Each structure stands twice: as structure tokens, then as C-alpha cells.
N, C-alpha and C. Protein backbone atom coordinates (compact mmCIF):
# COMPACT_ATOMS: atom_id res chain seq x y z
N MET A 1 16.97 -28.31 -10.50
CA MET A 1 17.32 -27.67 -11.76
C MET A 1 17.04 -26.18 -11.63
N PRO A 2 18.04 -25.35 -11.90
CA PRO A 2 17.82 -23.90 -11.79
C PRO A 2 16.86 -23.39 -12.86
N LEU A 3 16.19 -22.32 -12.50
CA LEU A 3 15.24 -21.71 -13.43
C LEU A 3 15.97 -20.91 -14.50
N LYS A 4 15.43 -20.94 -15.70
CA LYS A 4 15.92 -20.08 -16.76
C LYS A 4 15.44 -18.66 -16.46
N PRO A 5 16.13 -17.64 -16.97
CA PRO A 5 15.71 -16.26 -16.69
C PRO A 5 14.26 -15.96 -17.08
N GLU A 6 13.81 -16.50 -18.22
CA GLU A 6 12.42 -16.23 -18.64
C GLU A 6 11.41 -16.94 -17.73
N GLU A 7 11.78 -18.10 -17.18
CA GLU A 7 10.90 -18.80 -16.24
C GLU A 7 10.80 -18.01 -14.94
N ARG A 8 11.95 -17.53 -14.47
CA ARG A 8 11.97 -16.74 -13.23
C ARG A 8 11.14 -15.46 -13.41
N ASP A 9 11.34 -14.76 -14.53
CA ASP A 9 10.58 -13.54 -14.79
C ASP A 9 9.09 -13.82 -14.86
N GLY A 10 8.71 -14.93 -15.51
CA GLY A 10 7.30 -15.31 -15.61
C GLY A 10 6.69 -15.61 -14.27
N LEU A 11 7.43 -16.34 -13.42
CA LEU A 11 6.92 -16.66 -12.08
C LEU A 11 6.83 -15.40 -11.22
N LEU A 12 7.79 -14.50 -11.36
CA LEU A 12 7.72 -13.23 -10.62
C LEU A 12 6.51 -12.42 -11.04
N LYS A 13 6.19 -12.43 -12.32
CA LYS A 13 5.02 -11.71 -12.83
C LYS A 13 3.74 -12.33 -12.26
N ILE A 14 3.67 -13.66 -12.23
CA ILE A 14 2.52 -14.34 -11.64
C ILE A 14 2.37 -13.95 -10.18
N ARG A 15 3.47 -13.98 -9.45
CA ARG A 15 3.42 -13.64 -8.02
C ARG A 15 2.96 -12.20 -7.83
N GLN A 16 3.47 -11.28 -8.66
CA GLN A 16 3.08 -9.87 -8.56
C GLN A 16 1.59 -9.69 -8.86
N LEU A 17 1.10 -10.35 -9.90
CA LEU A 17 -0.32 -10.25 -10.24
C LEU A 17 -1.19 -10.85 -9.14
N LYS A 18 -0.76 -11.96 -8.54
CA LYS A 18 -1.55 -12.57 -7.46
C LYS A 18 -1.60 -11.67 -6.24
N LYS A 19 -0.50 -11.00 -5.91
CA LYS A 19 -0.50 -10.07 -4.77
C LYS A 19 -1.44 -8.90 -5.04
N THR A 20 -1.41 -8.39 -6.26
CA THR A 20 -2.32 -7.30 -6.63
C THR A 20 -3.77 -7.77 -6.54
N TYR A 21 -4.02 -8.97 -7.05
CA TYR A 21 -5.36 -9.57 -7.01
C TYR A 21 -5.87 -9.63 -5.57
N TRP A 22 -5.05 -10.14 -4.66
CA TRP A 22 -5.48 -10.27 -3.27
C TRP A 22 -5.65 -8.91 -2.59
N ALA A 23 -4.76 -7.97 -2.88
CA ALA A 23 -4.89 -6.63 -2.29
C ALA A 23 -6.21 -5.99 -2.71
N LEU A 24 -6.55 -6.13 -3.98
CA LEU A 24 -7.82 -5.57 -4.46
C LEU A 24 -9.00 -6.35 -3.90
N PHE A 25 -8.87 -7.66 -3.80
CA PHE A 25 -9.95 -8.50 -3.27
C PHE A 25 -10.30 -8.07 -1.85
N VAL A 26 -9.29 -7.74 -1.06
CA VAL A 26 -9.52 -7.32 0.33
C VAL A 26 -9.97 -5.86 0.39
N SER A 27 -9.42 -5.01 -0.48
CA SER A 27 -9.71 -3.58 -0.37
C SER A 27 -11.09 -3.19 -0.88
N ILE A 28 -11.64 -3.90 -1.82
CA ILE A 28 -12.94 -3.51 -2.40
C ILE A 28 -14.05 -3.51 -1.35
N PRO A 29 -14.19 -4.55 -0.53
CA PRO A 29 -15.24 -4.47 0.51
C PRO A 29 -15.00 -3.33 1.50
N LEU A 30 -13.73 -3.08 1.84
CA LEU A 30 -13.43 -1.98 2.76
C LEU A 30 -13.77 -0.63 2.13
N LEU A 31 -13.47 -0.48 0.85
CA LEU A 31 -13.83 0.75 0.15
C LEU A 31 -15.35 0.91 0.04
N LEU A 32 -16.05 -0.18 -0.13
CA LEU A 32 -17.51 -0.12 -0.19
C LEU A 32 -18.09 0.37 1.14
N ILE A 33 -17.56 -0.14 2.22
CA ILE A 33 -18.01 0.31 3.55
C ILE A 33 -17.71 1.79 3.74
N ALA A 34 -16.49 2.20 3.36
CA ALA A 34 -16.13 3.62 3.49
C ALA A 34 -17.02 4.50 2.62
N ALA A 35 -17.32 4.04 1.41
CA ALA A 35 -18.18 4.81 0.51
C ALA A 35 -19.59 4.93 1.09
N GLN A 36 -20.10 3.85 1.70
CA GLN A 36 -21.43 3.90 2.30
C GLN A 36 -21.48 4.90 3.45
N VAL A 37 -20.43 4.91 4.26
CA VAL A 37 -20.37 5.87 5.36
C VAL A 37 -20.33 7.29 4.82
N LEU A 38 -19.52 7.52 3.79
CA LEU A 38 -19.44 8.86 3.20
C LEU A 38 -20.76 9.28 2.57
N VAL A 39 -21.48 8.36 1.99
CA VAL A 39 -22.80 8.69 1.42
C VAL A 39 -23.74 9.10 2.54
N GLN A 40 -23.71 8.38 3.65
CA GLN A 40 -24.59 8.71 4.78
C GLN A 40 -24.23 10.07 5.39
N VAL A 41 -22.94 10.35 5.49
CA VAL A 41 -22.49 11.60 6.10
C VAL A 41 -22.74 12.79 5.18
N THR A 42 -22.40 12.65 3.90
CA THR A 42 -22.47 13.80 2.98
C THR A 42 -23.75 13.84 2.16
N GLY A 43 -24.40 12.71 2.02
CA GLY A 43 -25.60 12.66 1.17
C GLY A 43 -25.27 12.61 -0.32
N GLN A 44 -24.01 12.53 -0.66
CA GLN A 44 -23.58 12.50 -2.05
C GLN A 44 -23.35 11.05 -2.49
N TRP A 45 -24.15 10.60 -3.45
CA TRP A 45 -24.04 9.23 -3.94
C TRP A 45 -22.82 9.00 -4.83
N ALA A 46 -22.16 10.07 -5.20
CA ALA A 46 -20.97 9.95 -6.06
C ALA A 46 -19.86 9.14 -5.38
N TRP A 47 -19.88 9.03 -4.07
CA TRP A 47 -18.86 8.26 -3.36
C TRP A 47 -18.90 6.78 -3.75
N ILE A 48 -20.06 6.29 -4.11
CA ILE A 48 -20.17 4.88 -4.51
C ILE A 48 -19.32 4.62 -5.76
N ALA A 49 -19.21 5.64 -6.61
CA ALA A 49 -18.40 5.49 -7.82
C ALA A 49 -16.93 5.28 -7.50
N SER A 50 -16.50 5.63 -6.29
CA SER A 50 -15.09 5.49 -5.93
C SER A 50 -14.63 4.03 -5.90
N ILE A 51 -15.57 3.10 -5.78
CA ILE A 51 -15.15 1.69 -5.79
C ILE A 51 -15.07 1.13 -7.20
N LEU A 52 -15.53 1.88 -8.19
CA LEU A 52 -15.50 1.36 -9.56
C LEU A 52 -14.08 1.15 -10.08
N VAL A 53 -13.18 2.07 -9.79
CA VAL A 53 -11.81 1.94 -10.29
C VAL A 53 -11.13 0.69 -9.74
N PRO A 54 -11.11 0.46 -8.41
CA PRO A 54 -10.47 -0.77 -7.94
C PRO A 54 -11.21 -2.02 -8.40
N PHE A 55 -12.52 -1.95 -8.55
CA PHE A 55 -13.27 -3.11 -9.02
C PHE A 55 -12.87 -3.48 -10.45
N VAL A 56 -12.83 -2.48 -11.32
CA VAL A 56 -12.43 -2.72 -12.72
C VAL A 56 -10.98 -3.20 -12.78
N TRP A 57 -10.13 -2.60 -11.95
CA TRP A 57 -8.73 -3.02 -11.89
C TRP A 57 -8.64 -4.48 -11.45
N GLY A 58 -9.42 -4.86 -10.45
CA GLY A 58 -9.43 -6.25 -9.97
C GLY A 58 -9.88 -7.23 -11.04
N VAL A 59 -10.92 -6.87 -11.78
CA VAL A 59 -11.40 -7.74 -12.85
C VAL A 59 -10.33 -7.87 -13.94
N THR A 60 -9.65 -6.76 -14.24
CA THR A 60 -8.59 -6.78 -15.24
C THR A 60 -7.44 -7.69 -14.81
N VAL A 61 -7.03 -7.58 -13.56
CA VAL A 61 -5.94 -8.43 -13.04
C VAL A 61 -6.38 -9.89 -13.07
N GLN A 62 -7.61 -10.16 -12.67
CA GLN A 62 -8.11 -11.54 -12.70
C GLN A 62 -8.08 -12.10 -14.12
N GLN A 63 -8.51 -11.31 -15.09
CA GLN A 63 -8.51 -11.77 -16.47
C GLN A 63 -7.09 -12.02 -16.99
N LYS A 64 -6.14 -11.17 -16.59
CA LYS A 64 -4.74 -11.40 -16.97
C LYS A 64 -4.24 -12.71 -16.39
N LEU A 65 -4.57 -12.97 -15.13
CA LEU A 65 -4.13 -14.21 -14.50
C LEU A 65 -4.77 -15.43 -15.16
N ILE A 66 -6.05 -15.34 -15.47
CA ILE A 66 -6.74 -16.47 -16.10
C ILE A 66 -6.07 -16.82 -17.43
N ARG A 67 -5.63 -15.82 -18.15
CA ARG A 67 -5.04 -16.04 -19.47
C ARG A 67 -3.53 -16.24 -19.44
N TYR A 68 -2.91 -16.14 -18.26
CA TYR A 68 -1.47 -16.21 -18.17
C TYR A 68 -0.95 -17.59 -18.55
N ARG A 69 0.06 -17.59 -19.38
CA ARG A 69 0.66 -18.84 -19.85
C ARG A 69 1.89 -19.18 -19.03
N CYS A 70 2.11 -20.45 -18.84
CA CYS A 70 3.28 -20.91 -18.11
C CYS A 70 4.54 -20.51 -18.89
N PRO A 71 5.53 -19.93 -18.21
CA PRO A 71 6.74 -19.53 -18.91
C PRO A 71 7.58 -20.71 -19.40
N ARG A 72 7.32 -21.90 -18.90
CA ARG A 72 8.08 -23.07 -19.33
C ARG A 72 7.41 -23.80 -20.49
N CYS A 73 6.14 -24.18 -20.33
CA CYS A 73 5.50 -25.04 -21.33
C CYS A 73 4.55 -24.29 -22.26
N GLY A 74 4.16 -23.05 -21.89
CA GLY A 74 3.28 -22.26 -22.74
C GLY A 74 1.81 -22.59 -22.60
N GLU A 75 1.45 -23.54 -21.76
CA GLU A 75 0.05 -23.86 -21.50
C GLU A 75 -0.49 -22.91 -20.43
N PRO A 76 -1.82 -22.82 -20.29
CA PRO A 76 -2.38 -21.97 -19.22
C PRO A 76 -1.85 -22.40 -17.85
N PHE A 77 -1.36 -21.43 -17.08
CA PHE A 77 -0.80 -21.74 -15.76
C PHE A 77 -1.89 -22.14 -14.78
N PHE A 78 -3.01 -21.43 -14.82
CA PHE A 78 -4.12 -21.70 -13.90
C PHE A 78 -5.17 -22.54 -14.59
N TYR A 79 -5.62 -23.58 -13.94
CA TYR A 79 -6.68 -24.41 -14.51
C TYR A 79 -8.03 -23.86 -14.09
N PRO A 80 -9.04 -24.01 -14.94
CA PRO A 80 -10.36 -23.52 -14.57
C PRO A 80 -10.99 -24.39 -13.48
N ALA A 81 -11.67 -23.74 -12.56
CA ALA A 81 -12.40 -24.47 -11.53
C ALA A 81 -13.65 -25.09 -12.15
N PRO A 82 -14.10 -26.22 -11.62
CA PRO A 82 -15.25 -26.89 -12.24
C PRO A 82 -16.54 -26.08 -12.23
N VAL A 83 -16.83 -25.36 -11.14
CA VAL A 83 -18.06 -24.58 -11.06
C VAL A 83 -17.76 -23.33 -10.26
N PRO A 84 -18.17 -22.17 -10.62
CA PRO A 84 -18.82 -21.82 -11.88
C PRO A 84 -17.79 -21.76 -13.00
N SER A 85 -18.26 -21.70 -14.21
CA SER A 85 -17.37 -21.82 -15.36
C SER A 85 -16.40 -20.64 -15.50
N HIS A 86 -16.69 -19.49 -14.92
CA HIS A 86 -15.80 -18.33 -15.06
C HIS A 86 -14.74 -18.28 -13.96
N ALA A 87 -14.80 -19.19 -12.99
CA ALA A 87 -13.86 -19.18 -11.88
C ALA A 87 -12.59 -19.94 -12.25
N THR A 88 -11.52 -19.64 -11.53
CA THR A 88 -10.27 -20.35 -11.71
C THR A 88 -9.69 -20.67 -10.34
N SER A 89 -8.54 -21.28 -10.37
CA SER A 89 -7.86 -21.68 -9.15
C SER A 89 -6.84 -20.63 -8.70
N ILE A 90 -7.01 -19.39 -9.11
CA ILE A 90 -6.02 -18.35 -8.86
C ILE A 90 -5.59 -18.25 -7.39
N PRO A 91 -6.51 -18.18 -6.44
CA PRO A 91 -6.08 -17.92 -5.07
C PRO A 91 -5.10 -18.93 -4.49
N SER A 92 -5.28 -20.20 -4.78
CA SER A 92 -4.47 -21.20 -4.10
C SER A 92 -3.39 -21.85 -4.95
N GLN A 93 -3.49 -21.79 -6.23
CA GLN A 93 -2.58 -22.54 -7.08
C GLN A 93 -1.21 -21.89 -7.17
N LYS A 94 -0.17 -22.70 -7.00
CA LYS A 94 1.20 -22.22 -7.09
C LYS A 94 1.99 -22.97 -8.15
N ARG A 95 1.39 -23.94 -8.78
CA ARG A 95 2.10 -24.83 -9.69
C ARG A 95 1.35 -24.95 -11.01
N CYS A 96 2.12 -24.94 -12.12
CA CYS A 96 1.51 -25.17 -13.43
C CYS A 96 0.94 -26.58 -13.46
N GLN A 97 -0.26 -26.71 -13.94
CA GLN A 97 -0.92 -28.02 -13.97
C GLN A 97 -0.40 -28.91 -15.09
N HIS A 98 0.39 -28.35 -15.99
CA HIS A 98 0.88 -29.13 -17.13
C HIS A 98 2.31 -29.62 -16.91
N CYS A 99 3.22 -28.71 -16.54
CA CYS A 99 4.63 -29.10 -16.43
C CYS A 99 5.14 -29.12 -14.99
N GLY A 100 4.37 -28.57 -14.05
CA GLY A 100 4.77 -28.60 -12.65
C GLY A 100 5.65 -27.44 -12.21
N LEU A 101 5.91 -26.47 -13.08
CA LEU A 101 6.70 -25.29 -12.68
C LEU A 101 5.99 -24.63 -11.50
N SER A 102 6.75 -24.35 -10.44
CA SER A 102 6.15 -23.87 -9.20
C SER A 102 6.73 -22.54 -8.75
N GLU A 103 5.87 -21.73 -8.14
CA GLU A 103 6.34 -20.48 -7.53
C GLU A 103 7.33 -20.77 -6.42
N ASP A 104 7.23 -21.92 -5.82
CA ASP A 104 8.14 -22.29 -4.73
C ASP A 104 9.58 -22.44 -5.21
N GLN A 105 9.78 -22.55 -6.53
CA GLN A 105 11.13 -22.67 -7.06
C GLN A 105 11.87 -21.34 -7.11
N LEU A 106 11.14 -20.25 -6.88
CA LEU A 106 11.79 -18.94 -6.84
C LEU A 106 12.66 -18.85 -5.62
N GLN A 107 13.91 -18.47 -5.81
CA GLN A 107 14.84 -18.30 -4.70
C GLN A 107 15.39 -16.90 -4.76
N PHE A 108 15.46 -16.27 -3.58
CA PHE A 108 15.96 -14.89 -3.55
C PHE A 108 17.26 -14.83 -2.82
């Protein structure tokens, strides 16, 4: 069954947010290492603040994903992980847990 335009747009948005989430997830530790090196070289602790922007951005993207609704059924797309209570299945989940709408249905 072909996707409706709003379902396709919703899945594309989910995919875009997940890519951003992963890019930030990988970049934050690298930025922390770079900031530590810069602090050692320059003696200026202000470099540590440079990781605050991507960290806050990452938390914001994660919160958007946690609250994202399925474009088909309107239920939360990502189910909460059992432990800890603030975690979700964002990294691995590709399918709505309620109606089964999947990112794999996107065709280009």
C-alpha cells in the first residue's frame, strides 16, 4: 500500500531527526576531547562551554523524537524503554509500535 503524502513527510521528518540525533551523539564526545585539548593548550576554560550548544541541541532533538507522533495513527512513534524511565527506543526503532508504519516503506 503506497504511503499518503502526510505519512511520507512524517517518516522523512523522523529520519531527519534521527540522523541529527546520531550526528550529535557522535560529535559531543569528540568536541569534549577537542575542548579539553584546547583548555590544556590555552589555559582558557571557556572552551568547555563550546560543547554546551551541541549538547543542548542533542537534548532538544531527543525530546522532539520522544514526543513525535506517528503520522498514520497519531500514537507515539517511539515506545519508552523499560529502564531507565527517561530512555526510549530511538536509536534502533524503525516501526511504529501501534500501527506498524515503517521507515522502510520510504521509497526514493
